[in-house]
Amino acid sequence: MNGFKKVDWKIAAGRVALGLSVWFAAQAGISTATAAPARTEAVVALPKVNGDLTGTLKKIRDTGVITLGYREAAIPFSYVNDKGRPVGYTMDLCYAVVDAVKTALNLPNLRVREMSITPQNRIPLVKNGTVDLDCAPNTITPERAEQVGFSNPYYVSEVRLLVNKKDNIHGLDDLKGQNLVASAGSTGERLARMQAEKIGYRVIPARDHGESMVTLETGRAKAFALDDVLLAGFRANARDPESFAIVGAPLETELNALMLPRDDPQFKRFVDTTLAHVYSSGDIRRIQRKWFQQPIPPRNVNLNLEPSKEVVEVWRKGSQVTE
């Protein structure tokens, strides 16, 4: 249904090898989750801060505020529910970081500012310190790693197409002379533009994922390019889910991670160690079931997506920390 079972995680990791090498090289000595032997039986302790605070953690301590970025409609990772609150799989991961910050910095009254951001403005807002942690489904790429930092990955996904079945679209080659919509600044837009001229379709940039879906539903575009699990969320919450299908060969396999300020080794170590605790304690299984295998708001739809072996491998590697 979601295409995850066909992902080769080693190939996925290879696709972003350059970005990861730049990322780790720039943060030598940081706790990472890719080199240590497996210790799946051990639960990683929540992070502690030794020595002076620097960077983002110092700012949070001094201001008493942590700012989280979220998306309006990135179901089931980060989206606004029927009560107007941001919720989702990655929001739960970010709030695990918030709870760890409260404990480690002795800030029980830490205020959390939630800021709606888009694929276009997420990098500038993280770079300039407006957003401390972006809780959206961000893809690790070499280009982005030159500007911002990333946590260790939490998911593996594929960029594919969502189409209306009546249009008989099965892949990019069927879009000649048609419109394809993608959210401006997203990986889907970048990949779609790479083949647009060759195949002969037009790319319509939308403000965000929600606008992209509206463009598809109203027929102004014949396909919507995005991560497959996000497309599954949009399809499940459409007025007529059975009218839509996720089609085509994967345009790219992606590693998804939380976005954070670049060159802030203390905060990255803190976030990665928090995620390692979530993974190794089994909390990640509960979060997975909550957002992928149970009815979720706003329409109480169950996506029925089990974690693939590639996703489980990401969690396994992410549960290992080295000093």
C-alpha atoms as a PDB file:
ATOM      1  CA  MET A   1       0.000   0.000   0.000  1.00  0.00           C
ATOM      2  CA  ASN A   2       2.709   2.474   0.960  1.00  0.00           C
ATOM      3  CA  GLY A   3       5.631   1.054  -1.021  1.00  0.00           C
ATOM      4  CA  PHE A   4       7.893   0.947   2.041  1.00  0.00           C
ATOM      5  CA  LYS A   5       8.489  -2.790   1.774  1.00  0.00           C
ATOM      6  CA  LYS A   6      10.494  -2.275  -1.432  1.00  0.00           C
ATOM      7  CA  VAL A   7      12.925   0.224   0.079  1.00  0.00           C
ATOM      8  CA  ASP A   8      16.558  -0.833   0.408  1.00  0.00           C
ATOM      9  CA  TRP A   9      17.703   1.051   3.491  1.00  0.00           C
ATOM     10  CA  LYS A  10      21.386   0.753   2.523  1.00  0.00           C
ATOM     11  CA  ILE A  11      20.621   2.352  -0.834  1.00  0.00           C
ATOM     12  CA  ALA A  12      18.602   5.000   0.950  1.00  0.00           C
ATOM     13  CA  ALA A  13      21.525   5.769   3.208  1.00  0.00           C
ATOM     14  CA  GLY A  14      23.844   5.851   0.224  1.00  0.00           C
ATOM     15  CA  ARG A  15      21.710   8.454  -1.505  1.00  0.00           C
ATOM     16  CA  VAL A  16      22.400  10.925   1.273  1.00  0.00           C
ATOM     17  CA  ALA A  17      25.922   9.746   2.042  1.00  0.00           C
ATOM     18  CA  LEU A  18      27.477  13.031   0.928  1.00  0.00           C
ATOM     19  CA  GLY A  19      25.116  15.070   3.068  1.00  0.00           C
ATOM     20  CA  LEU A  20      25.628  12.812   6.072  1.00  0.00           C
ATOM     21  CA  SER A  21      29.412  12.902   5.705  1.00  0.00           C
ATOM     22  CA  VAL A  22      29.357  16.709   5.613  1.00  0.00           C
ATOM     23  CA  TRP A  23      26.966  16.711   8.539  1.00  0.00           C
ATOM     24  CA  PHE A  24      29.020  14.387  10.757  1.00  0.00           C
ATOM     25  CA  ALA A  25      32.373  15.866   9.732  1.00  0.00           C
ATOM     26  CA  ALA A  26      31.173  19.319  10.725  1.00  0.00           C
ATOM     27  CA  GLN A  27      30.142  18.002  14.116  1.00  0.00           C
ATOM     28  CA  ALA A  28      33.042  15.710  14.999  1.00  0.00           C
ATOM     29  CA  GLY A  29      32.786  14.310  18.478  1.00  0.00           C
ATOM     30  CA  ILE A  30      29.006  14.528  18.551  1.00  0.00           C
ATOM     31  CA  SER A  31      27.004  11.549  19.739  1.00  0.00           C
ATOM     32  CA  THR A  32      25.868   9.734  16.590  1.00  0.00           C
ATOM     33  CA  ALA A  33      23.799   6.649  15.896  1.00  0.00           C
ATOM     34  CA  THR A  34      25.534   4.916  13.036  1.00  0.00           C
ATOM     35  CA  ALA A  35      28.782   3.367  14.216  1.00  0.00           C
ATOM     36  CA  ALA A  36      28.293   1.512  17.486  1.00  0.00           C
ATOM     37  CA  PRO A  37      27.579  -2.219  17.736  1.00  0.00           C
ATOM     38  CA  ALA A  38      23.952  -3.128  18.323  1.00  0.00           C
ATOM     39  CA  ARG A  39      22.823  -3.071  21.955  1.00  0.00           C
ATOM     40  CA  THR A  40      19.112  -3.477  21.509  1.00  0.00           C
ATOM     41  CA  GLU A  41      18.631  -4.790  25.073  1.00  0.00           C
ATOM     42  CA  ALA A  42      19.855  -1.566  26.713  1.00  0.00           C
ATOM     43  CA  VAL A  43      17.633   1.446  27.289  1.00  0.00           C
ATOM     44  CA  VAL A  44      19.551   4.652  26.621  1.00  0.00           C
ATOM     45  CA  ALA A  45      19.251   7.122  29.500  1.00  0.00           C
ATOM     46  CA  LEU A  46      17.731  10.530  28.929  1.00  0.00           C
ATOM     47  CA  PRO A  47      20.341  13.191  28.159  1.00  0.00           C
ATOM     48  CA  LYS A  48      22.173  15.228  30.763  1.00  0.00           C
ATOM     49  CA  VAL A  49      24.129  18.400  30.197  1.00  0.00           C
ATOM     50  CA  ASN A  50      27.703  18.421  31.454  1.00  0.00           C
ATOM     51  CA  GLY A  51      29.658  21.656  31.508  1.00  0.00           C
ATOM     52  CA  ASP A  52      28.563  25.075  30.339  1.00  0.00           C
ATOM     53  CA  LEU A  53      25.492  25.516  28.199  1.00  0.00           C
ATOM     54  CA  THR A  54      26.038  26.772  24.663  1.00  0.00           C
ATOM     55  CA  GLY A  55      23.989  27.583  21.586  1.00  0.00           C
ATOM     56  CA  THR A  56      20.333  26.578  21.559  1.00  0.00           C
ATOM     57  CA  LEU A  57      20.244  25.066  25.042  1.00  0.00           C
ATOM     58  CA  LYS A  58      21.737  28.242  26.529  1.00  0.00           C
ATOM     59  CA  LYS A  59      19.157  30.346  24.700  1.00  0.00           C
ATOM     60  CA  ILE A  60      16.353  28.122  25.967  1.00  0.00           C
ATOM     61  CA  ARG A  61      17.672  28.340  29.537  1.00  0.00           C
ATOM     62  CA  ASP A  62      18.073  32.117  29.365  1.00  0.00           C
ATOM     63  CA  THR A  63      14.663  32.824  27.806  1.00  0.00           C
ATOM     64  CA  GLY A  64      12.618  30.045  29.379  1.00  0.00           C
ATOM     65  CA  VAL A  65      11.110  29.344  25.934  1.00  0.00           C
ATOM     66  CA  ILE A  66      11.584  26.640  23.294  1.00  0.00           C
ATOM     67  CA  THR A  67      10.110  27.179  19.825  1.00  0.00           C
ATOM     68  CA  LEU A  68       8.855  24.219  17.809  1.00  0.00           C
ATOM     69  CA  GLY A  69       8.030  24.424  14.108  1.00  0.00           C
ATOM     70  CA  TYR A  70       5.071  22.465  12.750  1.00  0.00           C
ATOM     71  CA  ARG A  71       3.102  21.980   9.530  1.00  0.00           C
ATOM     72  CA  GLU A  72      -0.572  22.656   8.991  1.00  0.00           C
ATOM     73  CA  ALA A  73      -1.309  19.489   7.027  1.00  0.00           C
ATOM     74  CA  ALA A  74       1.553  16.934   7.020  1.00  0.00           C
ATOM     75  CA  ILE A  75      -0.613  14.025   8.229  1.00  0.00           C
ATOM     76  CA  PRO A  76       0.329  11.931  10.211  1.00  0.00           C
ATOM     77  CA  PHE A  77       3.677  13.534  11.117  1.00  0.00           C
ATOM     78  CA  SER A  78       2.781  17.144  11.907  1.00  0.00           C
ATOM     79  CA  TYR A  79      -0.615  18.740  11.358  1.00  0.00           C
ATOM     80  CA  VAL A  80      -3.375  20.731  13.035  1.00  0.00           C
ATOM     81  CA  ASN A  81      -6.228  18.749  14.582  1.00  0.00           C
ATOM     82  CA  ASP A  82      -9.885  19.745  14.866  1.00  0.00           C
ATOM     83  CA  LYS A  83      -9.095  21.689  18.047  1.00  0.00           C
ATOM     84  CA  GLY A  84      -6.487  23.827  16.315  1.00  0.00           C
ATOM     85  CA  ARG A  85      -3.497  22.168  18.000  1.00  0.00           C
ATOM     86  CA  PRO A  86      -0.453  20.749  16.184  1.00  0.00           C
ATOM     87  CA  VAL A  87      -0.265  16.980  16.646  1.00  0.00           C
ATOM     88  CA  GLY A  88       1.358  13.979  15.019  1.00  0.00           C
ATOM     89  CA  TYR A  89       4.182  11.465  15.070  1.00  0.00           C
ATOM     90  CA  THR A  90       7.005  14.007  14.892  1.00  0.00           C
ATOM     91  CA  MET A  91       5.234  16.356  17.308  1.00  0.00           C
ATOM     92  CA  ASP A  92       5.371  13.522  19.845  1.00  0.00           C
ATOM     93  CA  LEU A  93       9.110  13.155  19.191  1.00  0.00           C
ATOM     94  CA  CYS A  94       9.620  16.889  19.659  1.00  0.00           C
ATOM     95  CA  TYR A  95       7.657  16.893  22.912  1.00  0.00           C
ATOM     96  CA  ALA A  96       9.886  14.077  24.145  1.00  0.00           C
ATOM     97  CA  VAL A  97      12.772  16.514  23.584  1.00  0.00           C
ATOM     98  CA  VAL A  98      10.837  19.258  25.408  1.00  0.00           C
ATOM     99  CA  ASP A  99      10.295  16.995  28.430  1.00  0.00           C
ATOM    100  CA  ALA A 100      13.978  16.055  28.442  1.00  0.00           C
ATOM    101  CA  VAL A 101      14.957  19.753  28.342  1.00  0.00           C
ATOM    102  CA  LYS A 102      12.678  20.503  31.303  1.00  0.00           C
ATOM    103  CA  THR A 103      14.365  17.783  33.344  1.00  0.00           C
ATOM    104  CA  ALA A 104      17.974  18.351  32.292  1.00  0.00           C
ATOM    105  CA  LEU A 105      17.861  22.147  32.692  1.00  0.00           C
ATOM    106  CA  ASN A 106      15.536  22.104  35.715  1.00  0.00           C
ATOM    107  CA  LEU A 107      12.936  24.175  33.872  1.00  0.00           C
ATOM    108  CA  PRO A 108       9.561  22.715  34.956  1.00  0.00           C
ATOM    109  CA  ASN A 109       7.780  25.859  33.733  1.00  0.00           C
ATOM    110  CA  LEU A 110       9.459  25.935  30.324  1.00  0.00           C
ATOM    111  CA  ARG A 111       7.145  27.620  27.828  1.00  0.00           C
ATOM    112  CA  VAL A 112       6.617  25.996  24.450  1.00  0.00           C
ATOM    113  CA  ARG A 113       5.968  28.246  21.464  1.00  0.00           C
ATOM    114  CA  GLU A 114       4.477  26.424  18.484  1.00  0.00           C
ATOM    115  CA  MET A 115       5.034  28.129  15.136  1.00  0.00           C
ATOM    116  CA  SER A 116       3.382  27.175  11.852  1.00  0.00           C
ATOM    117  CA  ILE A 117       6.002  27.044   9.109  1.00  0.00           C
ATOM    118  CA  THR A 118       6.155  25.944   5.478  1.00  0.00           C
ATOM    119  CA  PRO A 119       8.665  24.143   3.253  1.00  0.00           C
ATOM    120  CA  GLN A 120       9.747  27.555   1.912  1.00  0.00           C
ATOM    121  CA  ASN A 121      10.532  29.289   5.214  1.00  0.00           C
ATOM    122  CA  ARG A 122      11.624  26.401   7.455  1.00  0.00           C
ATOM    123  CA  ILE A 123      15.355  26.680   6.679  1.00  0.00           C
ATOM    124  CA  PRO A 124      15.570  30.489   7.145  1.00  0.00           C
ATOM    125  CA  LEU A 125      13.635  30.277  10.438  1.00  0.00           C
ATOM    126  CA  VAL A 126      15.888  27.530  11.797  1.00  0.00           C
ATOM    127  CA  LYS A 127      19.038  29.282  10.563  1.00  0.00           C
ATOM    128  CA  ASN A 128      18.203  32.602  12.208  1.00  0.00           C
ATOM    129  CA  GLY A 129      17.212  30.980  15.504  1.00  0.00           C
ATOM    130  CA  THR A 130      13.502  31.783  15.348  1.00  0.00           C
ATOM    131  CA  VAL A 131      12.699  28.049  15.418  1.00  0.00           C
ATOM    132  CA  ASP A 132      14.731  25.780  17.710  1.00  0.00           C
ATOM    133  CA  LEU A 133      13.432  22.460  16.421  1.00  0.00           C
ATOM    134  CA  ASP A 134      11.383  21.813  13.274  1.00  0.00           C
ATOM    135  CA  CYS A 135       8.964  18.971  13.951  1.00  0.00           C
ATOM    136  CA  ALA A 136       7.976  18.359  10.335  1.00  0.00           C
ATOM    137  CA  PRO A 137       8.904  15.457   8.030  1.00  0.00           C
ATOM    138  CA  ASN A 138      12.174  16.931   6.773  1.00  0.00           C
ATOM    139  CA  THR A 139      14.324  15.072   4.275  1.00  0.00           C
ATOM    140  CA  ILE A 140      18.083  14.976   4.872  1.00  0.00           C
ATOM    141  CA  THR A 141      19.842  16.301   1.756  1.00  0.00           C
ATOM    142  CA  PRO A 142      23.431  17.475   1.189  1.00  0.00           C
ATOM    143  CA  GLU A 143      22.188  20.927   0.154  1.00  0.00           C
ATOM    144  CA  ARG A 144      20.132  21.407   3.294  1.00  0.00           C
ATOM    145  CA  ALA A 145      22.918  20.030   5.496  1.00  0.00           C
ATOM    146  CA  GLU A 146      25.064  22.960   4.361  1.00  0.00           C
ATOM    147  CA  GLN A 147      22.586  25.343   6.005  1.00  0.00           C
ATOM    148  CA  VAL A 148      20.921  23.525   8.912  1.00  0.00           C
ATOM    149  CA  GLY A 149      21.483  20.528  11.144  1.00  0.00           C
ATOM    150  CA  PHE A 150      19.502  17.306  11.416  1.00  0.00           C
ATOM    151  CA  SER A 151      18.780  14.820  14.146  1.00  0.00           C
ATOM    152  CA  ASN A 152      19.463  11.182  13.492  1.00  0.00           C
ATOM    153  CA  PRO A 153      16.747   9.806  11.173  1.00  0.00           C
ATOM    154  CA  TYR A 154      13.386   8.575  12.424  1.00  0.00           C
ATOM    155  CA  TYR A 155      11.788   7.352   9.170  1.00  0.00           C
ATOM    156  CA  VAL A 156      12.389   6.152   5.618  1.00  0.00           C
ATOM    157  CA  SER A 157      10.007   7.220   2.866  1.00  0.00           C
ATOM    158  CA  GLU A 158       9.704   7.417  -0.920  1.00  0.00           C
ATOM    159  CA  VAL A 159       8.623  10.314  -3.124  1.00  0.00           C
ATOM    160  CA  ARG A 160       5.759   9.160  -5.352  1.00  0.00           C
ATOM    161  CA  LEU A 161       2.622  10.553  -7.011  1.00  0.00           C
ATOM    162  CA  LEU A 162      -0.956  10.871  -5.795  1.00  0.00           C
ATOM    163  CA  VAL A 163      -3.435  10.905  -8.673  1.00  0.00           C
ATOM    164  CA  ASN A 164      -7.139  10.694  -9.366  1.00  0.00           C
ATOM    165  CA  LYS A 165      -7.871   7.207 -10.706  1.00  0.00           C
ATOM    166  CA  LYS A 166     -10.184   8.548 -13.414  1.00  0.00           C
ATOM    167  CA  ASP A 167      -7.255  10.363 -15.053  1.00  0.00           C
ATOM    168  CA  ASN A 168      -5.466   7.084 -15.794  1.00  0.00           C
ATOM    169  CA  ILE A 169      -2.074   8.404 -14.662  1.00  0.00           C
ATOM    170  CA  HIS A 170       0.424   5.693 -13.703  1.00  0.00           C
ATOM    171  CA  GLY A 171       3.674   7.651 -13.562  1.00  0.00           C
ATOM    172  CA  LEU A 172       5.501  10.760 -14.749  1.00  0.00           C
ATOM    173  CA  ASP A 173       5.497   9.621 -18.373  1.00  0.00           C
ATOM    174  CA  ASP A 174       1.697   9.889 -18.449  1.00  0.00           C
ATOM    175  CA  LEU A 175       1.804  13.595 -17.525  1.00  0.00           C
ATOM    176  CA  LYS A 176       2.919  15.001 -20.883  1.00  0.00           C
ATOM    177  CA  GLY A 177       1.064  18.268 -21.463  1.00  0.00           C
ATOM    178  CA  GLN A 178      -0.438  18.144 -17.949  1.00  0.00           C
ATOM    179  CA  ASN A 179       0.123  19.928 -14.636  1.00  0.00           C
ATOM    180  CA  LEU A 180       1.864  18.391 -11.620  1.00  0.00           C
ATOM    181  CA  VAL A 181       1.567  20.109  -8.242  1.00  0.00           C
ATOM    182  CA  ALA A 182       4.181  20.055  -5.479  1.00  0.00           C
ATOM    183  CA  SER A 183       4.697  22.142  -2.371  1.00  0.00           C
ATOM    184  CA  ALA A 184       7.199  24.930  -2.997  1.00  0.00           C
ATOM    185  CA  GLY A 185      10.565  24.133  -1.437  1.00  0.00           C
ATOM    186  CA  SER A 186       9.798  20.441  -0.987  1.00  0.00           C
ATOM    187  CA  THR A 187      11.832  17.503  -2.237  1.00  0.00           C
ATOM    188  CA  GLY A 188       8.839  16.575  -4.371  1.00  0.00           C
ATOM    189  CA  GLU A 189       9.051  19.891  -6.210  1.00  0.00           C
ATOM    190  CA  ARG A 190      12.797  19.533  -6.775  1.00  0.00           C
ATOM    191  CA  LEU A 191      12.483  16.015  -8.157  1.00  0.00           C
ATOM    192  CA  ALA A 192       9.479  16.860 -10.332  1.00  0.00           C
ATOM    193  CA  ARG A 193      11.285  19.809 -11.917  1.00  0.00           C
ATOM    194  CA  MET A 194      14.265  17.620 -12.825  1.00  0.00           C
ATOM    195  CA  GLN A 195      12.172  15.714 -15.374  1.00  0.00           C
ATOM    196  CA  ALA A 196       9.528  18.285 -16.300  1.00  0.00           C
ATOM    197  CA  GLU A 197      11.185  19.605 -19.456  1.00  0.00           C
ATOM    198  CA  LYS A 198      12.198  16.157 -20.714  1.00  0.00           C
ATOM    199  CA  ILE A 199       8.718  14.656 -20.316  1.00  0.00           C
ATOM    200  CA  GLY A 200       6.784  17.831 -21.069  1.00  0.00           C
ATOM    201  CA  TYR A 201       4.642  18.512 -18.009  1.00  0.00           C
ATOM    202  CA  ARG A 202       4.277  21.722 -15.986  1.00  0.00           C
ATOM    203  CA  VAL A 203       5.074  22.003 -12.255  1.00  0.00           C
ATOM    204  CA  ILE A 204       2.714  24.154 -10.191  1.00  0.00           C
ATOM    205  CA  PRO A 205       4.278  25.225  -6.862  1.00  0.00           C
ATOM    206  CA  ALA A 206       1.782  25.365  -3.984  1.00  0.00           C
ATOM    207  CA  ARG A 207       2.229  27.215  -0.690  1.00  0.00           C
ATOM    208  CA  ASP A 208       2.018  24.043   1.381  1.00  0.00           C
ATOM    209  CA  HIS A 209       0.862  20.432   1.261  1.00  0.00           C
ATOM    210  CA  GLY A 210      -2.756  21.319   1.982  1.00  0.00           C
ATOM    211  CA  GLU A 211      -2.875  23.683  -0.988  1.00  0.00           C
ATOM    212  CA  SER A 212      -1.227  21.011  -3.127  1.00  0.00           C
ATOM    213  CA  MET A 213      -4.005  18.568  -2.261  1.00  0.00           C
ATOM    214  CA  VAL A 214      -6.708  21.121  -3.065  1.00  0.00           C
ATOM    215  CA  THR A 215      -5.031  21.712  -6.439  1.00  0.00           C
ATOM    216  CA  LEU A 216      -5.208  17.989  -7.186  1.00  0.00           C
ATOM    217  CA  GLU A 217      -8.765  17.558  -5.920  1.00  0.00           C
ATOM    218  CA  THR A 218     -10.050  20.449  -8.024  1.00  0.00           C
ATOM    219  CA  GLY A 219      -8.427  19.073 -11.166  1.00  0.00           C
ATOM    220  CA  ARG A 220      -5.979  21.925 -11.693  1.00  0.00           C
ATOM    221  CA  ALA A 221      -3.217  19.322 -11.521  1.00  0.00           C
ATOM    222  CA  LYS A 222      -3.196  15.668 -12.509  1.00  0.00           C
ATOM    223  CA  ALA A 223      -0.601  14.549  -9.946  1.00  0.00           C
ATOM    224  CA  PHE A 224       0.763  15.573  -6.541  1.00  0.00           C
ATOM    225  CA  ALA A 225       4.414  14.678  -5.780  1.00  0.00           C
ATOM    226  CA  LEU A 226       5.342  14.061  -2.121  1.00  0.00           C
ATOM    227  CA  ASP A 227       6.544  11.453   0.377  1.00  0.00           C
ATOM    228  CA  ASP A 228       4.364   8.368   0.087  1.00  0.00           C
ATOM    229  CA  VAL A 229       3.329   8.223   3.743  1.00  0.00           C
ATOM    230  CA  LEU A 230       2.147  11.844   3.588  1.00  0.00           C
ATOM    231  CA  LEU A 231       0.264  11.071   0.389  1.00  0.00           C
ATOM    232  CA  ALA A 232      -1.390   8.146   2.198  1.00  0.00           C
ATOM    233  CA  GLY A 233      -2.564  10.590   4.854  1.00  0.00           C
ATOM    234  CA  PHE A 234      -4.026  12.972   2.297  1.00  0.00           C
ATOM    235  CA  ARG A 235      -5.730  10.148   0.453  1.00  0.00           C
ATOM    236  CA  ALA A 236      -7.247   8.755   3.655  1.00  0.00           C
ATOM    237  CA  ASN A 237      -8.659  12.167   4.584  1.00  0.00           C
ATOM    238  CA  ALA A 238      -9.971  13.072   1.129  1.00  0.00           C
ATOM    239  CA  ARG A 239     -13.719  13.416   0.550  1.00  0.00           C
ATOM    240  CA  ASP A 240     -13.609  10.219  -1.511  1.00  0.00           C
ATOM    241  CA  PRO A 241     -10.428   8.295  -0.656  1.00  0.00           C
ATOM    242  CA  GLU A 242     -11.189   5.521  -3.134  1.00  0.00           C
ATOM    243  CA  SER A 243     -10.941   8.017  -6.000  1.00  0.00           C
ATOM    244  CA  PHE A 244      -7.208   8.468  -5.432  1.00  0.00           C
ATOM    245  CA  ALA A 245      -4.169   6.210  -5.836  1.00  0.00           C
ATOM    246  CA  ILE A 246      -0.469   6.428  -5.061  1.00  0.00           C
ATOM    247  CA  VAL A 247       1.349   5.468  -8.256  1.00  0.00           C
ATOM    248  CA  GLY A 248       4.618   5.362 -10.130  1.00  0.00           C
ATOM    249  CA  ALA A 249       8.135   4.267  -9.419  1.00  0.00           C
ATOM    250  CA  PRO A 250       9.744   6.070  -6.471  1.00  0.00           C
ATOM    251  CA  LEU A 251      11.337   9.350  -7.566  1.00  0.00           C
ATOM    252  CA  GLU A 252      13.672   9.102  -4.590  1.00  0.00           C
ATOM    253  CA  THR A 253      14.148   7.265  -1.285  1.00  0.00           C
ATOM    254  CA  GLU A 254      14.515   9.583   1.699  1.00  0.00           C
ATOM    255  CA  LEU A 255      15.682   9.633   5.278  1.00  0.00           C
ATOM    256  CA  ASN A 256      13.473  11.876   7.439  1.00  0.00           C
ATOM    257  CA  ALA A 257      14.774  13.743  10.492  1.00  0.00           C
ATOM    258  CA  LEU A 258      14.084  16.661  12.807  1.00  0.00           C
ATOM    259  CA  MET A 259      15.678  19.906  11.639  1.00  0.00           C
ATOM    260  CA  LEU A 260      17.758  21.960  14.080  1.00  0.00           C
ATOM    261  CA  PRO A 261      20.430  24.673  14.003  1.00  0.00           C
ATOM    262  CA  ARG A 262      23.690  23.765  12.280  1.00  0.00           C
ATOM    263  CA  ASP A 263      26.995  23.793  14.183  1.00  0.00           C
ATOM    264  CA  ASP A 264      25.332  23.316  17.565  1.00  0.00           C
ATOM    265  CA  PRO A 265      26.889  20.035  18.766  1.00  0.00           C
ATOM    266  CA  GLN A 266      25.517  20.272  22.299  1.00  0.00           C
ATOM    267  CA  PHE A 267      21.898  20.574  21.148  1.00  0.00           C
ATOM    268  CA  LYS A 268      22.299  17.909  18.465  1.00  0.00           C
ATOM    269  CA  ARG A 269      23.744  15.492  21.019  1.00  0.00           C
ATOM    270  CA  PHE A 270      20.836  16.278  23.324  1.00  0.00           C
ATOM    271  CA  VAL A 271      18.210  15.659  20.623  1.00  0.00           C
ATOM    272  CA  ASP A 272      19.883  12.479  19.338  1.00  0.00           C
ATOM    273  CA  THR A 273      20.193  11.039  22.842  1.00  0.00           C
ATOM    274  CA  THR A 274      16.523  11.801  23.527  1.00  0.00           C
ATOM    275  CA  LEU A 275      15.569   9.978  20.325  1.00  0.00           C
ATOM    276  CA  ALA A 276      17.850   7.085  21.303  1.00  0.00           C
ATOM    277  CA  HIS A 277      15.918   6.817  24.567  1.00  0.00           C
ATOM    278  CA  VAL A 278      12.590   6.836  22.719  1.00  0.00           C
ATOM    279  CA  TYR A 279      13.803   4.154  20.307  1.00  0.00           C
ATOM    280  CA  SER A 280      15.498   1.884  22.846  1.00  0.00           C
ATOM    281  CA  SER A 281      12.728   2.096  25.468  1.00  0.00           C
ATOM    282  CA  GLY A 282      10.077   0.939  23.016  1.00  0.00           C
ATOM    283  CA  ASP A 283       8.186   4.237  23.147  1.00  0.00           C
ATOM    284  CA  ILE A 284       8.676   4.554  19.394  1.00  0.00           C
ATOM    285  CA  ARG A 285       6.458   1.498  18.860  1.00  0.00           C
ATOM    286  CA  ARG A 286       3.675   3.120  20.853  1.00  0.00           C
ATOM    287  CA  ILE A 287       4.035   6.357  18.873  1.00  0.00           C
ATOM    288  CA  GLN A 288       4.033   4.400  15.599  1.00  0.00           C
ATOM    289  CA  ARG A 289       0.833   2.554  16.526  1.00  0.00           C
ATOM    290  CA  LYS A 290      -0.819   5.764  17.721  1.00  0.00           C
ATOM    291  CA  TRP A 291      -0.356   7.634  14.429  1.00  0.00           C
ATOM    292  CA  PHE A 292      -0.116   4.898  11.782  1.00  0.00           C
ATOM    293  CA  GLN A 293      -2.197   1.995  13.067  1.00  0.00           C
ATOM    294  CA  GLN A 294      -5.104   3.585  14.965  1.00  0.00           C
ATOM    295  CA  PRO A 295      -7.850   6.064  14.011  1.00  0.00           C
ATOM    296  CA  ILE A 296      -6.445   9.599  14.090  1.00  0.00           C
ATOM    297  CA  PRO A 297      -8.069  13.041  13.970  1.00  0.00           C
ATOM    298  CA  PRO A 298      -9.628  14.915  12.356  1.00  0.00           C
ATOM    299  CA  ARG A 299     -11.677  12.201  10.613  1.00  0.00           C
ATOM    300  CA  ASN A 300     -10.714   9.183  12.727  1.00  0.00           C
ATOM    301  CA  VAL A 301      -9.094   7.469   9.749  1.00  0.00           C
ATOM    302  CA  ASN A 302      -6.736   4.532  10.320  1.00  0.00           C
ATOM    303  CA  LEU A 303      -3.805   4.627   7.857  1.00  0.00           C
ATOM    304  CA  ASN A 304      -2.987   0.962   8.616  1.00  0.00           C
ATOM    305  CA  LEU A 305       0.710   1.430   7.889  1.00  0.00           C
ATOM    306  CA  GLU A 306       3.077  -0.921   9.682  1.00  0.00           C
ATOM    307  CA  PRO A 307       6.750   0.081  10.000  1.00  0.00           C
ATOM    308  CA  SER A 308       8.873  -1.451   7.271  1.00  0.00           C
ATOM    309  CA  LYS A 309      12.099  -3.280   8.026  1.00  0.00           C
ATOM    310  CA  GLU A 310      13.941  -0.173   6.797  1.00  0.00           C
ATOM    311  CA  VAL A 311      12.152   2.013   9.336  1.00  0.00           C
ATOM    312  CA  VAL A 312      12.848  -0.507  12.101  1.00  0.00           C
ATOM    313  CA  GLU A 313      16.519  -0.460  11.085  1.00  0.00           C
ATOM    314  CA  VAL A 314      16.554   3.341  11.415  1.00  0.00           C
ATOM    315  CA  TRP A 315      15.189   2.987  14.938  1.00  0.00           C
ATOM    316  CA  ARG A 316      17.735   0.287  15.779  1.00  0.00           C
ATOM    317  CA  LYS A 317      20.653   2.390  14.597  1.00  0.00           C
ATOM    318  CA  GLY A 318      19.190   5.451  16.269  1.00  0.00           C
ATOM    319  CA  SER A 319      19.044   3.646  19.613  1.00  0.00           C
ATOM    320  CA  GLN A 320      22.837   3.431  19.671  1.00  0.00           C
ATOM    321  CA  VAL A 321      24.858   6.397  20.868  1.00  0.00           C
ATOM    322  CA  THR A 322      28.621   6.802  20.942  1.00  0.00           C
ATOM    323  CA  GLU A 323      30.673   9.243  22.901  1.00  0.00           C
END
